[in-house]
PDB file of N, CA and C in Angstrom:
ATOM      1  N   MET A   1      -0.715  21.871  -3.228  1.00  0.00           N
ATOM      2  CA  MET A   1       0.626  21.796  -3.122  1.00  0.00           C
ATOM      3  C   MET A   1       1.181  20.588  -2.597  1.00  0.00           C
ATOM      4  N   LEU A   2       2.365  20.112  -3.226  1.00  0.00           N
ATOM      5  CA  LEU A   2       2.719  19.069  -2.579  1.00  0.00           C
ATOM      6  C   LEU A   2       4.496  19.312  -2.708  1.00  0.00           C
ATOM      7  N   ASN A   3       5.092  18.373  -1.775  1.00  0.00           N
ATOM      8  CA  ASN A   3       6.401  18.634  -1.690  1.00  0.00           C
ATOM      9  C   ASN A   3       7.060  17.919  -3.025  1.00  0.00           C
ATOM     10  N   CYS A   4       8.459  18.052  -3.209  1.00  0.00           N
ATOM     11  CA  CYS A   4       9.082  17.594  -4.301  1.00  0.00           C
ATOM     12  C   CYS A   4      10.203  16.966  -3.583  1.00  0.00           C
ATOM     13  N   ILE A   5      10.317  15.638  -3.369  1.00  0.00           N
ATOM     14  CA  ILE A   5      11.140  14.920  -2.507  1.00  0.00           C
ATOM     15  C   ILE A   5      12.224  14.304  -3.542  1.00  0.00           C
ATOM     16  N   ASP A   6      12.495  14.630  -4.770  1.00  0.00           N
ATOM     17  CA  ASP A   6      13.870  14.492  -5.606  1.00  0.00           C
ATOM     18  C   ASP A   6      14.580  15.356  -5.575  1.00  0.00           C
ATOM     19  N   ASN A   7      15.865  15.379  -6.174  1.00  0.00           N
ATOM     20  CA  ASN A   7      16.777  16.263  -6.366  1.00  0.00           C
ATOM     21  C   ASN A   7      16.732  17.033  -7.554  1.00  0.00           C
ATOM     22  N   SER A   8      15.640  17.126  -8.274  1.00  0.00           N
ATOM     23  CA  SER A   8      15.548  17.617  -9.455  1.00  0.00           C
ATOM     24  C   SER A   8      15.633  19.291  -9.458  1.00  0.00           C
ATOM     25  N   GLY A   9      15.618  19.775  -8.141  1.00  0.00           N
ATOM     26  CA  GLY A   9      15.645  21.243  -8.131  1.00  0.00           C
ATOM     27  C   GLY A   9      14.145  21.879  -7.724  1.00  0.00           C
ATOM     28  N   ALA A  10      13.241  21.092  -7.693  1.00  0.00           N
ATOM     29  CA  ALA A  10      11.998  21.798  -7.316  1.00  0.00           C
ATOM     30  C   ALA A  10      11.668  21.543  -6.014  1.00  0.00           C
ATOM     31  N   ALA A  11      11.157  22.429  -5.074  1.00  0.00           N
ATOM     32  CA  ALA A  11      11.037  22.346  -3.717  1.00  0.00           C
ATOM     33  C   ALA A  11       9.405  21.765  -3.427  1.00  0.00           C
ATOM     34  N   ILE A  12       8.515  22.812  -4.132  1.00  0.00           N
ATOM     35  CA  ILE A  12       7.059  22.629  -3.794  1.00  0.00           C
ATOM     36  C   ILE A  12       6.524  22.930  -5.402  1.00  0.00           C
ATOM     37  N   VAL A  13       5.724  21.833  -5.613  1.00  0.00           N
ATOM     38  CA  VAL A  13       4.759  21.981  -6.766  1.00  0.00           C
ATOM     39  C   VAL A  13       3.349  22.135  -6.455  1.00  0.00           C
ATOM     40  N   GLU A  14       2.532  22.501  -7.525  1.00  0.00           N
ATOM     41  CA  GLU A  14       1.238  22.683  -7.380  1.00  0.00           C
ATOM     42  C   GLU A  14       0.510  21.855  -8.667  1.00  0.00           C
ATOM     43  N   CYS A  15      -0.418  20.951  -8.023  1.00  0.00           N
ATOM     44  CA  CYS A  15      -1.072  20.005  -8.990  1.00  0.00           C
ATOM     45  C   CYS A  15      -2.058  20.735  -9.769  1.00  0.00           C
ATOM     46  N   ALA A  16      -1.895  20.757 -11.191  1.00  0.00           N
ATOM     47  CA  ALA A  16      -2.784  21.129 -12.238  1.00  0.00           C
ATOM     48  C   ALA A  16      -3.722  20.313 -12.950  1.00  0.00           C
ATOM     49  N   LEU A  17      -3.457  19.052 -12.921  1.00  0.00           N
ATOM     50  CA  LEU A  17      -4.201  18.061 -13.554  1.00  0.00           C
ATOM     51  C   LEU A  17      -3.820  16.842 -13.061  1.00  0.00           C
ATOM     52  N   VAL A  18      -5.205  15.783 -12.872  1.00  0.00           N
ATOM     53  CA  VAL A  18      -4.782  14.461 -12.626  1.00  0.00           C
ATOM     54  C   VAL A  18      -4.618  13.638 -14.137  1.00  0.00           C
ATOM     55  N   VAL A  19      -3.837  13.111 -14.375  1.00  0.00           N
ATOM     56  CA  VAL A  19      -3.742  12.496 -15.974  1.00  0.00           C
ATOM     57  C   VAL A  19      -4.736  11.446 -15.962  1.00  0.00           C
ATOM     58  N   GLY A  20      -5.822  11.378 -16.854  1.00  0.00           N
ATOM     59  CA  GLY A  20      -6.449  10.111 -17.187  1.00  0.00           C
ATOM     60  C   GLY A  20      -7.637   9.937 -16.264  1.00  0.00           C
ATOM     61  N   GLN A  21      -7.930  10.843 -15.324  1.00  0.00           N
ATOM     62  CA  GLN A  21      -9.237  10.645 -14.458  1.00  0.00           C
ATOM     63  C   GLN A  21      -9.545  11.998 -13.961  1.00  0.00           C
ATOM     64  N   ARG A  22     -10.961  11.746 -13.583  1.00  0.00           N
ATOM     65  CA  ARG A  22     -11.541  12.938 -13.193  1.00  0.00           C
ATOM     66  C   ARG A  22     -11.822  13.171 -11.792  1.00  0.00           C
ATOM     67  N   ARG A  23     -11.036  12.601 -10.548  1.00  0.00           N
ATOM     68  CA  ARG A  23     -11.106  12.534  -9.470  1.00  0.00           C
ATOM     69  C   ARG A  23      -9.854  12.855  -8.862  1.00  0.00           C
ATOM     70  N   HIS A  24      -9.659  13.234  -7.743  1.00  0.00           N
ATOM     71  CA  HIS A  24      -8.401  13.374  -7.060  1.00  0.00           C
ATOM     72  C   HIS A  24      -7.326  12.651  -6.927  1.00  0.00           C
ATOM     73  N   ALA A  25      -6.103  13.040  -7.042  1.00  0.00           N
ATOM     74  CA  ALA A  25      -5.127  11.949  -7.196  1.00  0.00           C
ATOM     75  C   ALA A  25      -4.613  11.072  -5.759  1.00  0.00           C
ATOM     76  N   THR A  26      -4.150   9.900  -6.048  1.00  0.00           N
ATOM     77  CA  THR A  26      -3.848   9.160  -4.869  1.00  0.00           C
ATOM     78  C   THR A  26      -2.518   8.543  -5.188  1.00  0.00           C
ATOM     79  N   ILE A  27      -1.794   7.818  -4.099  1.00  0.00           N
ATOM     80  CA  ILE A  27      -0.517   7.284  -4.388  1.00  0.00           C
ATOM     81  C   ILE A  27      -0.130   6.563  -5.614  1.00  0.00           C
ATOM     82  N   GLY A  28       0.784   6.700  -6.342  1.00  0.00           N
ATOM     83  CA  GLY A  28       0.950   6.080  -7.808  1.00  0.00           C
ATOM     84  C   GLY A  28       0.381   6.748  -9.254  1.00  0.00           C
ATOM     85  N   ASP A  29      -0.338   7.779  -8.801  1.00  0.00           N
ATOM     86  CA  ASP A  29      -1.123   8.520  -9.992  1.00  0.00           C
ATOM     87  C   ASP A  29      -0.214   9.729 -10.637  1.00  0.00           C
ATOM     88  N   ARG A  30      -0.507   9.838 -12.060  1.00  0.00           N
ATOM     89  CA  ARG A  30       0.314  10.765 -12.786  1.00  0.00           C
ATOM     90  C   ARG A  30      -0.327  11.955 -12.855  1.00  0.00           C
ATOM     91  N   ILE A  31       0.465  12.992 -12.324  1.00  0.00           N
ATOM     92  CA  ILE A  31      -0.184  14.420 -12.432  1.00  0.00           C
ATOM     93  C   ILE A  31       0.610  15.279 -13.351  1.00  0.00           C
ATOM     94  N   VAL A  32       0.024  16.478 -13.759  1.00  0.00           N
ATOM     95  CA  VAL A  32       0.793  17.836 -14.262  1.00  0.00           C
ATOM     96  C   VAL A  32       0.862  18.560 -13.078  1.00  0.00           C
ATOM     97  N   ALA A  33       2.021  18.978 -12.803  1.00  0.00           N
ATOM     98  CA  ALA A  33       2.552  19.910 -11.764  1.00  0.00           C
ATOM     99  C   ALA A  33       3.334  21.041 -12.489  1.00  0.00           C
ATOM    100  N   ILE A  34       3.090  22.014 -11.653  1.00  0.00           N
ATOM    101  CA  ILE A  34       3.912  23.427 -12.036  1.00  0.00           C
ATOM    102  C   ILE A  34       4.585  23.902 -10.650  1.00  0.00           C
ATOM    103  N   VAL A  35       6.064  23.927 -11.013  1.00  0.00           N
ATOM    104  CA  VAL A  35       7.164  24.276 -10.222  1.00  0.00           C
ATOM    105  C   VAL A  35       6.628  25.433  -9.498  1.00  0.00           C
ATOM    106  N   GLN A  36       6.401  25.711  -8.241  1.00  0.00           N
ATOM    107  CA  GLN A  36       6.024  26.883  -7.443  1.00  0.00           C
ATOM    108  C   GLN A  36       7.582  27.428  -6.752  1.00  0.00           C
ATOM    109  N   LYS A  37       8.062  26.603  -6.237  1.00  0.00           N
ATOM    110  CA  LYS A  37       9.406  27.096  -5.519  1.00  0.00           C
ATOM    111  C   LYS A  37      10.583  26.194  -5.775  1.00  0.00           C
ATOM    112  N   GLN A  38      11.664  26.961  -6.154  1.00  0.00           N
ATOM    113  CA  GLN A  38      12.874  26.194  -6.355  1.00  0.00           C
ATOM    114  C   GLN A  38      13.644  25.998  -5.336  1.00  0.00           C
ATOM    115  N   ARG A  39      14.164  24.572  -5.343  1.00  0.00           N
ATOM    116  CA  ARG A  39      15.033  24.503  -4.208  1.00  0.00           C
ATOM    117  C   ARG A  39      16.691  24.907  -4.372  1.00  0.00           C
ATOM    118  N   ASN A  40      17.152  25.529  -3.224  1.00  0.00           N
ATOM    119  CA  ASN A  40      18.526  25.888  -3.088  1.00  0.00           C
ATOM    120  C   ASN A  40      19.165  24.810  -2.918  1.00  0.00           C
ATOM    121  N   ALA A  41      20.571  24.885  -3.494  1.00  0.00           N
ATOM    122  CA  ALA A  41      21.698  23.625  -3.656  1.00  0.00           C
ATOM    123  C   ALA A  41      21.949  23.212  -2.271  1.00  0.00           C
ATOM    124  N   SER A  42      21.967  24.397  -1.181  1.00  0.00           N
ATOM    125  CA  SER A  42      22.179  24.203  -0.009  1.00  0.00           C
ATOM    126  C   SER A  42      21.090  23.476   0.785  1.00  0.00           C
ATOM    127  N   ASP A  43      19.906  23.725   0.373  1.00  0.00           N
ATOM    128  CA  ASP A  43      18.849  23.167   1.297  1.00  0.00           C
ATOM    129  C   ASP A  43      18.886  21.953   1.524  1.00  0.00           C
ATOM    130  N   ALA A  44      19.325  21.196   0.259  1.00  0.00           N
ATOM    131  CA  ALA A  44      19.382  19.582   0.280  1.00  0.00           C
ATOM    132  C   ALA A  44      20.609  19.035   0.714  1.00  0.00           C
ATOM    133  N   GLY A  45      21.695  19.822   1.146  1.00  0.00           N
ATOM    134  CA  GLY A  45      22.908  19.292   1.071  1.00  0.00           C
ATOM    135  C   GLY A  45      23.486  18.818   0.135  1.00  0.00           C
ATOM    136  N   MET A  46      23.346  19.390  -1.037  1.00  0.00           N
ATOM    137  CA  MET A  46      23.925  18.823  -2.373  1.00  0.00           C
ATOM    138  C   MET A  46      25.194  19.772  -2.593  1.00  0.00           C
ATOM    139  N   SER A  47      25.972  19.143  -3.018  1.00  0.00           N
ATOM    140  CA  SER A  47      27.504  19.665  -3.482  1.00  0.00           C
ATOM    141  C   SER A  47      26.959  20.706  -4.811  1.00  0.00           C
ATOM    142  N   SER A  48      27.845  21.794  -5.025  1.00  0.00           N
ATOM    143  CA  SER A  48      27.591  22.588  -6.307  1.00  0.00           C
ATOM    144  C   SER A  48      27.754  21.835  -7.556  1.00  0.00           C
ATOM    145  N   ALA A  49      28.756  20.862  -7.439  1.00  0.00           N
ATOM    146  CA  ALA A  49      29.156  20.254  -8.478  1.00  0.00           C
ATOM    147  C   ALA A  49      27.811  19.338  -9.229  1.00  0.00           C
ATOM    148  N   SER A  50      26.896  19.132  -8.485  1.00  0.00           N
ATOM    149  CA  SER A  50      25.967  18.150  -8.921  1.00  0.00           C
ATOM    150  C   SER A  50      25.018  19.165  -9.397  1.00  0.00           C
ATOM    151  N   ALA A  51      24.149  18.736 -10.704  1.00  0.00           N
ATOM    152  CA  ALA A  51      23.324  19.737 -11.494  1.00  0.00           C
ATOM    153  C   ALA A  51      21.837  19.267 -10.512  1.00  0.00           C
ATOM    154  N   GLY A  52      21.845  20.049  -9.535  1.00  0.00           N
ATOM    155  CA  GLY A  52      20.764  20.257  -8.723  1.00  0.00           C
ATOM    156  C   GLY A  52      19.297  20.903  -9.160  1.00  0.00           C
ATOM    157  N   ASN A  53      19.867  21.887 -10.035  1.00  0.00           N
ATOM    158  CA  ASN A  53      18.621  22.719 -10.811  1.00  0.00           C
ATOM    159  C   ASN A  53      18.269  22.089 -12.273  1.00  0.00           C
ATOM    160  N   LYS A  54      17.311  21.256 -12.333  1.00  0.00           N
ATOM    161  CA  LYS A  54      17.195  20.637 -13.629  1.00  0.00           C
ATOM    162  C   LYS A  54      15.825  21.296 -14.093  1.00  0.00           C
ATOM    163  N   VAL A  55      15.001  21.942 -13.059  1.00  0.00           N
ATOM    164  CA  VAL A  55      13.692  22.574 -13.517  1.00  0.00           C
ATOM    165  C   VAL A  55      13.822  23.994 -12.512  1.00  0.00           C
ATOM    166  N   LYS A  56      12.947  24.595 -13.191  1.00  0.00           N
ATOM    167  CA  LYS A  56      13.181  26.179 -12.766  1.00  0.00           C
ATOM    168  C   LYS A  56      11.628  26.394 -12.328  1.00  0.00           C
ATOM    169  N   ARG A  57      11.489  27.520 -11.677  1.00  0.00           N
ATOM    170  CA  ARG A  57      10.101  27.917 -11.149  1.00  0.00           C
ATOM    171  C   ARG A  57       9.030  28.300 -12.388  1.00  0.00           C
ATOM    172  N   GLY A  58       8.317  27.851 -12.298  1.00  0.00           N
ATOM    173  CA  GLY A  58       6.985  28.195 -13.593  1.00  0.00           C
ATOM    174  C   GLY A  58       6.999  26.818 -14.685  1.00  0.00           C
ATOM    175  N   ASP A  59       8.219  25.954 -14.321  1.00  0.00           N
ATOM    176  CA  ASP A  59       8.018  24.837 -15.485  1.00  0.00           C
ATOM    177  C   ASP A  59       6.898  23.812 -15.182  1.00  0.00           C
ATOM    178  N   ILE A  60       6.339  23.629 -16.200  1.00  0.00           N
ATOM    179  CA  ILE A  60       5.223  22.266 -16.102  1.00  0.00           C
ATOM    180  C   ILE A  60       5.792  20.967 -16.233  1.00  0.00           C
ATOM    181  N   ARG A  61       5.689  19.977 -15.614  1.00  0.00           N
ATOM    182  CA  ARG A  61       6.324  18.853 -15.632  1.00  0.00           C
ATOM    183  C   ARG A  61       5.299  18.026 -15.374  1.00  0.00           C
ATOM    184  N   HIS A  62       5.361  16.630 -15.788  1.00  0.00           N
ATOM    185  CA  HIS A  62       4.426  15.415 -15.202  1.00  0.00           C
ATOM    186  C   HIS A  62       5.147  14.993 -13.798  1.00  0.00           C
ATOM    187  N   ALA A  63       4.592  14.296 -12.941  1.00  0.00           N
ATOM    188  CA  ALA A  63       4.864  13.918 -11.613  1.00  0.00           C
ATOM    189  C   ALA A  63       4.207  12.614 -11.236  1.00  0.00           C
ATOM    190  N   ILE A  64       4.651  12.108 -10.367  1.00  0.00           N
ATOM    191  CA  ILE A  64       3.968  10.943  -9.720  1.00  0.00           C
ATOM    192  C   ILE A  64       3.908  11.139  -8.289  1.00  0.00           C
ATOM    193  N   VAL A  65       2.513  11.079  -7.651  1.00  0.00           N
ATOM    194  CA  VAL A  65       2.384  11.180  -6.377  1.00  0.00           C
ATOM    195  C   VAL A  65       2.836  10.067  -5.521  1.00  0.00           C
ATOM    196  N   VAL A  66       3.742  10.017  -4.353  1.00  0.00           N
ATOM    197  CA  VAL A  66       4.263   9.178  -3.722  1.00  0.00           C
ATOM    198  C   VAL A  66       3.777   8.932  -2.369  1.00  0.00           C
ATOM    199  N   ARG A  67       3.466  10.202  -1.723  1.00  0.00           N
ATOM    200  CA  ARG A  67       2.815  10.476  -0.339  1.00  0.00           C
ATOM    201  C   ARG A  67       1.431  11.115  -0.573  1.00  0.00           C
ATOM    202  N   THR A  68       0.596  10.668   0.256  1.00  0.00           N
ATOM    203  CA  THR A  68      -0.605  11.480   0.680  1.00  0.00           C
ATOM    204  C   THR A  68      -1.152  11.632   1.938  1.00  0.00           C
ATOM    205  N   ARG A  69      -1.793  12.570   2.422  1.00  0.00           N
ATOM    206  CA  ARG A  69      -2.212  12.798   3.580  1.00  0.00           C
ATOM    207  C   ARG A  69      -3.560  11.967   3.977  1.00  0.00           C
ATOM    208  N   LYS A  70      -4.244  11.818   2.959  1.00  0.00           N
ATOM    209  CA  LYS A  70      -5.563  11.025   2.855  1.00  0.00           C
ATOM    210  C   LYS A  70      -5.201   9.649   3.309  1.00  0.00           C
ATOM    211  N   LYS A  71      -6.147   9.111   4.114  1.00  0.00           N
ATOM    212  CA  LYS A  71      -5.632   7.623   4.137  1.00  0.00           C
ATOM    213  C   LYS A  71      -6.050   6.690   3.126  1.00  0.00           C
ATOM    214  N   VAL A  72      -5.218   5.729   3.071  1.00  0.00           N
ATOM    215  CA  VAL A  72      -5.275   4.782   1.888  1.00  0.00           C
ATOM    216  C   VAL A  72      -5.456   3.343   2.494  1.00  0.00           C
ATOM    217  N   GLN A  73      -6.240   2.660   2.059  1.00  0.00           N
ATOM    218  CA  GLN A  73      -6.655   1.413   2.646  1.00  0.00           C
ATOM    219  C   GLN A  73      -6.021   0.121   1.645  1.00  0.00           C
ATOM    220  N   ARG A  74      -5.329  -0.316   2.516  1.00  0.00           N
ATOM    221  CA  ARG A  74      -4.533  -1.523   1.423  1.00  0.00           C
ATOM    222  C   ARG A  74      -5.442  -2.929   1.393  1.00  0.00           C
ATOM    223  N   PRO A  75      -5.042  -3.685   0.365  1.00  0.00           N
ATOM    224  CA  PRO A  75      -5.902  -4.887   0.216  1.00  0.00           C
ATOM    225  C   PRO A  75      -5.733  -5.982   1.515  1.00  0.00           C
ATOM    226  N   ASP A  76      -4.813  -5.689   2.483  1.00  0.00           N
ATOM    227  CA  ASP A  76      -4.772  -6.494   3.544  1.00  0.00           C
ATOM    228  C   ASP A  76      -5.534  -6.017   4.748  1.00  0.00           C
ATOM    229  N   GLY A  77      -6.300  -4.905   4.606  1.00  0.00           N
ATOM    230  CA  GLY A  77      -7.021  -4.156   5.535  1.00  0.00           C
ATOM    231  C   GLY A  77      -6.464  -3.291   6.412  1.00  0.00           C
ATOM    232  N   SER A  78      -4.747  -2.927   6.236  1.00  0.00           N
ATOM    233  CA  SER A  78      -4.322  -1.922   6.887  1.00  0.00           C
ATOM    234  C   SER A  78      -4.551  -0.689   6.412  1.00  0.00           C
ATOM    235  N   VAL A  79      -4.370   0.440   7.138  1.00  0.00           N
ATOM    236  CA  VAL A  79      -4.490   2.028   6.592  1.00  0.00           C
ATOM    237  C   VAL A  79      -3.274   2.566   6.879  1.00  0.00           C
ATOM    238  N   VAL A  80      -2.874   3.400   5.536  1.00  0.00           N
ATOM    239  CA  VAL A  80      -1.354   4.182   5.814  1.00  0.00           C
ATOM    240  C   VAL A  80      -2.090   5.743   5.533  1.00  0.00           C
ATOM    241  N   LYS A  81      -1.305   6.626   6.318  1.00  0.00           N
ATOM    242  CA  LYS A  81      -1.472   7.820   6.166  1.00  0.00           C
ATOM    243  C   LYS A  81      -0.088   8.690   6.647  1.00  0.00           C
ATOM    244  N   PHE A  82       0.375   9.531   5.537  1.00  0.00           N
ATOM    245  CA  PHE A  82       1.537  10.367   5.744  1.00  0.00           C
ATOM    246  C   PHE A  82       1.308  11.661   6.235  1.00  0.00           C
ATOM    247  N   ASP A  83       2.467  12.255   6.686  1.00  0.00           N
ATOM    248  CA  ASP A  83       2.210  13.514   7.156  1.00  0.00           C
ATOM    249  C   ASP A  83       2.279  14.716   6.280  1.00  0.00           C
ATOM    250  N   ASP A  84       2.403  14.495   4.935  1.00  0.00           N
ATOM    251  CA  ASP A  84       2.292  15.437   3.885  1.00  0.00           C
ATOM    252  C   ASP A  84       2.131  14.577   2.453  1.00  0.00           C
ATOM    253  N   ASN A  85       1.639  15.635   1.679  1.00  0.00           N
ATOM    254  CA  ASN A  85       1.497  15.255   0.309  1.00  0.00           C
ATOM    255  C   ASN A  85       2.910  15.515  -0.562  1.00  0.00           C
ATOM    256  N   ALA A  86       3.621  14.383  -1.186  1.00  0.00           N
ATOM    257  CA  ALA A  86       4.721  14.572  -2.044  1.00  0.00           C
ATOM    258  C   ALA A  86       4.790  13.920  -3.190  1.00  0.00           C
ATOM    259  N   CYS A  87       5.453  14.417  -4.067  1.00  0.00           N
ATOM    260  CA  CYS A  87       5.654  13.654  -5.657  1.00  0.00           C
ATOM    261  C   CYS A  87       7.171  13.641  -6.092  1.00  0.00           C
ATOM    262  N   VAL A  88       7.426  12.857  -7.078  1.00  0.00           N
ATOM    263  CA  VAL A  88       8.604  12.820  -7.634  1.00  0.00           C
ATOM    264  C   VAL A  88       8.409  13.078  -9.263  1.00  0.00           C
ATOM    265  N   LEU A  89       9.200  14.245  -9.652  1.00  0.00           N
ATOM    266  CA  LEU A  89       8.783  14.621 -10.903  1.00  0.00           C
ATOM    267  C   LEU A  89       9.431  13.734 -12.027  1.00  0.00           C
ATOM    268  N   ILE A  90       8.713  13.420 -13.158  1.00  0.00           N
ATOM    269  CA  ILE A  90       9.171  12.533 -14.222  1.00  0.00           C
ATOM    270  C   ILE A  90       9.076  13.152 -15.377  1.00  0.00           C
ATOM    271  N   ASN A  91       9.799  12.551 -16.459  1.00  0.00           N
ATOM    272  CA  ASN A  91       9.832  13.053 -17.762  1.00  0.00           C
ATOM    273  C   ASN A  91       8.620  12.515 -18.617  1.00  0.00           C
ATOM    274  N   LYS A  92       8.226  13.012 -19.931  1.00  0.00           N
ATOM    275  CA  LYS A  92       7.308  12.242 -20.660  1.00  0.00           C
ATOM    276  C   LYS A  92       7.419  10.871 -20.834  1.00  0.00           C
ATOM    277  N   ALA A  93       8.444  10.199 -20.833  1.00  0.00           N
ATOM    278  CA  ALA A  93       8.861   8.935 -21.050  1.00  0.00           C
ATOM    279  C   ALA A  93       8.531   7.869 -19.711  1.00  0.00           C
ATOM    280  N   GLY A  94       8.447   8.745 -18.575  1.00  0.00           N
ATOM    281  CA  GLY A  94       8.073   8.018 -17.305  1.00  0.00           C
ATOM    282  C   GLY A  94       9.377   7.860 -16.724  1.00  0.00           C
ATOM    283  N   ASP A  95      10.369   8.443 -17.038  1.00  0.00           N
ATOM    284  CA  ASP A  95      11.859   8.217 -16.147  1.00  0.00           C
ATOM    285  C   ASP A  95      11.855   9.401 -15.056  1.00  0.00           C
ATOM    286  N   PRO A  96      12.409   9.043 -13.815  1.00  0.00           N
ATOM    287  CA  PRO A  96      12.277  10.375 -13.026  1.00  0.00           C
ATOM    288  C   PRO A  96      13.473  11.260 -13.389  1.00  0.00           C
ATOM    289  N   ILE A  97      13.217  12.542 -13.201  1.00  0.00           N
ATOM    290  CA  ILE A  97      14.069  13.670 -13.739  1.00  0.00           C
ATOM    291  C   ILE A  97      15.297  13.596 -12.526  1.00  0.00           C
ATOM    292  N   GLY A  98      15.015  13.422 -11.225  1.00  0.00           N
ATOM    293  CA  GLY A  98      16.096  13.268 -10.337  1.00  0.00           C
ATOM    294  C   GLY A  98      16.897  12.151 -10.378  1.00  0.00           C
ATOM    295  N   SER A  99      17.853  12.138  -9.676  1.00  0.00           N
ATOM    296  CA  SER A  99      18.650  10.623  -9.584  1.00  0.00           C
ATOM    297  C   SER A  99      18.378  10.175  -8.080  1.00  0.00           C
ATOM    298  N   ARG A 100      17.867  10.987  -7.120  1.00  0.00           N
ATOM    299  CA  ARG A 100      17.952  10.507  -5.793  1.00  0.00           C
ATOM    300  C   ARG A 100      16.451  10.776  -5.319  1.00  0.00           C
ATOM    301  N   VAL A 101      15.618  10.181  -4.450  1.00  0.00           N
ATOM    302  CA  VAL A 101      14.692  10.425  -3.604  1.00  0.00           C
ATOM    303  C   VAL A 101      15.077  10.469  -2.152  1.00  0.00           C
ATOM    304  N   ASN A 102      14.443  11.594  -1.459  1.00  0.00           N
ATOM    305  CA  ASN A 102      14.786  11.774  -0.163  1.00  0.00           C
ATOM    306  C   ASN A 102      13.426  11.449   0.503  1.00  0.00           C
ATOM    307  N   GLY A 103      13.575  10.547   1.564  1.00  0.00           N
ATOM    308  CA  GLY A 103      12.146  10.286   2.477  1.00  0.00           C
ATOM    309  C   GLY A 103      11.554   8.829   1.839  1.00  0.00           C
ATOM    310  N   VAL A 104      10.331   8.853   2.724  1.00  0.00           N
ATOM    311  CA  VAL A 104       9.590   7.362   2.430  1.00  0.00           C
ATOM    312  C   VAL A 104       8.677   7.857   1.263  1.00  0.00           C
ATOM    313  N   VAL A 105       8.518   6.688   0.497  1.00  0.00           N
ATOM    314  CA  VAL A 105       7.479   6.493  -0.746  1.00  0.00           C
ATOM    315  C   VAL A 105       6.254   5.415  -0.088  1.00  0.00           C
ATOM    316  N   GLY A 106       5.177   5.452  -0.734  1.00  0.00           N
ATOM    317  CA  GLY A 106       4.062   4.316  -0.473  1.00  0.00           C
ATOM    318  C   GLY A 106       4.316   3.238  -1.318  1.00  0.00           C
ATOM    319  N   ALA A 107       4.268   2.064  -0.697  1.00  0.00           N
ATOM    320  CA  ALA A 107       4.587   0.711  -1.262  1.00  0.00           C
ATOM    321  C   ALA A 107       3.467   0.370  -2.479  1.00  0.00           C
ATOM    322  N   GLU A 108       2.451   1.322  -2.471  1.00  0.00           N
ATOM    323  CA  GLU A 108       1.402   1.181  -3.637  1.00  0.00           C
ATOM    324  C   GLU A 108       1.773   1.647  -5.150  1.00  0.00           C
ATOM    325  N   LEU A 109       3.226   1.988  -4.947  1.00  0.00           N
ATOM    326  CA  LEU A 109       3.757   2.325  -6.366  1.00  0.00           C
ATOM    327  C   LEU A 109       4.247   0.987  -6.837  1.00  0.00           C
ATOM    328  N   ARG A 110       4.366  -0.210  -6.303  1.00  0.00           N
ATOM    329  CA  ARG A 110       5.082  -1.554  -6.883  1.00  0.00           C
ATOM    330  C   ARG A 110       3.761  -1.795  -7.504  1.00  0.00           C
ATOM    331  N   ARG A 111       2.428  -1.752  -6.905  1.00  0.00           N
ATOM    332  CA  ARG A 111       1.199  -2.366  -7.879  1.00  0.00           C
ATOM    333  C   ARG A 111       1.054  -1.404  -9.092  1.00  0.00           C
ATOM    334  N   ARG A 112       1.473  -0.151  -8.928  1.00  0.00           N
ATOM    335  CA  ARG A 112       1.144   0.675 -10.045  1.00  0.00           C
ATOM    336  C   ARG A 112       2.230   0.640 -11.258  1.00  0.00           C
ATOM    337  N   LYS A 113       3.449  -0.370 -11.053  1.00  0.00           N
ATOM    338  CA  LYS A 113       4.338  -0.338 -11.940  1.00  0.00           C
ATOM    339  C   LYS A 113       5.440   1.102 -12.062  1.00  0.00           C
ATOM    340  N   TRP A 114       5.477   1.549 -10.818  1.00  0.00           N
ATOM    341  CA  TRP A 114       6.544   2.515 -10.835  1.00  0.00           C
ATOM    342  C   TRP A 114       7.975   1.981  -9.838  1.00  0.00           C
ATOM    343  N   SER A 115       8.490   0.712 -10.058  1.00  0.00           N
ATOM    344  CA  SER A 115       9.445   0.289  -9.612  1.00  0.00           C
ATOM    345  C   SER A 115      10.815   1.168  -9.512  1.00  0.00           C
ATOM    346  N   LYS A 116      10.951   1.746 -10.575  1.00  0.00           N
ATOM    347  CA  LYS A 116      12.072   2.785 -10.921  1.00  0.00           C
ATOM    348  C   LYS A 116      12.161   3.833  -9.588  1.00  0.00           C
ATOM    349  N   ILE A 117      11.161   4.331  -9.285  1.00  0.00           N
ATOM    350  CA  ILE A 117      10.861   5.133  -8.251  1.00  0.00           C
ATOM    351  C   ILE A 117      11.123   4.500  -6.712  1.00  0.00           C
ATOM    352  N   LEU A 118      10.604   3.349  -6.714  1.00  0.00           N
ATOM    353  CA  LEU A 118      10.804   2.521  -5.233  1.00  0.00           C
ATOM    354  C   LEU A 118      12.369   2.102  -5.208  1.00  0.00           C
ATOM    355  N   SER A 119      12.792   1.837  -6.212  1.00  0.00           N
ATOM    356  CA  SER A 119      14.654   1.394  -6.041  1.00  0.00           C
ATOM    357  C   SER A 119      15.362   2.529  -5.823  1.00  0.00           C
ATOM    358  N   MET A 120      14.899   4.018  -6.015  1.00  0.00           N
ATOM    359  CA  MET A 120      15.528   5.160  -5.732  1.00  0.00           C
ATOM    360  C   MET A 120      15.272   5.396  -4.198  1.00  0.00           C
ATOM    361  N   ALA A 121      14.093   4.991  -3.913  1.00  0.00           N
ATOM    362  CA  ALA A 121      13.832   5.686  -2.587  1.00  0.00           C
ATOM    363  C   ALA A 121      14.602   4.856  -0.990  1.00  0.00           C
ATOM    364  N   PRO A 122      14.626   5.477  -0.216  1.00  0.00           N
ATOM    365  CA  PRO A 122      15.783   4.627   0.969  1.00  0.00           C
ATOM    366  C   PRO A 122      14.508   3.835   1.629  1.00  0.00           C
ATOM    367  N   THR A 123      13.321   4.005   1.794  1.00  0.00           N
ATOM    368  CA  THR A 123      12.529   3.202   2.271  1.00  0.00           C
ATOM    369  C   THR A 123      11.063   3.433   1.781  1.00  0.00           C
ATOM    370  N   HIS A 124      10.260   2.262   2.090  1.00  0.00           N
ATOM    371  CA  HIS A 124       8.847   2.319   1.416  1.00  0.00           C
ATOM    372  C   HIS A 124       7.892   1.916   2.662  1.00  0.00           C
ATOM    373  N   ALA A 125       6.805   2.665   2.904  1.00  0.00           N
ATOM    374  CA  ALA A 125       6.146   2.333   3.837  1.00  0.00           C
ATOM    375  C   ALA A 125       4.534   1.710   3.336  1.00  0.00           C
TER     376      ALA A 125
END
């Protein structure tokens, strides 16, 4: 189970498949996710005018993992670990479904060529 940190309308998603590999997902990996819980418009402080519910419960979408609880070692020797597992939903072309990202994302996304997600995030660690 992963938190969905964009404003696509999903709150919690479940990983069904890691695309292109046979191991666990890490930061920057593309996964197939099933929306388990839908976010209410009042949960994220969004106005009712914004299209906050682009996905519904039960939808199957692709997503990018942006935070993991598992420690990740960087090339410079530092280790980063987050408090939760989180993702951002994307469409088949690789563009984010939401227009905003709430929270920190891992800087490993830059090496994985997900700069569009990095530019939407307020901070990266």
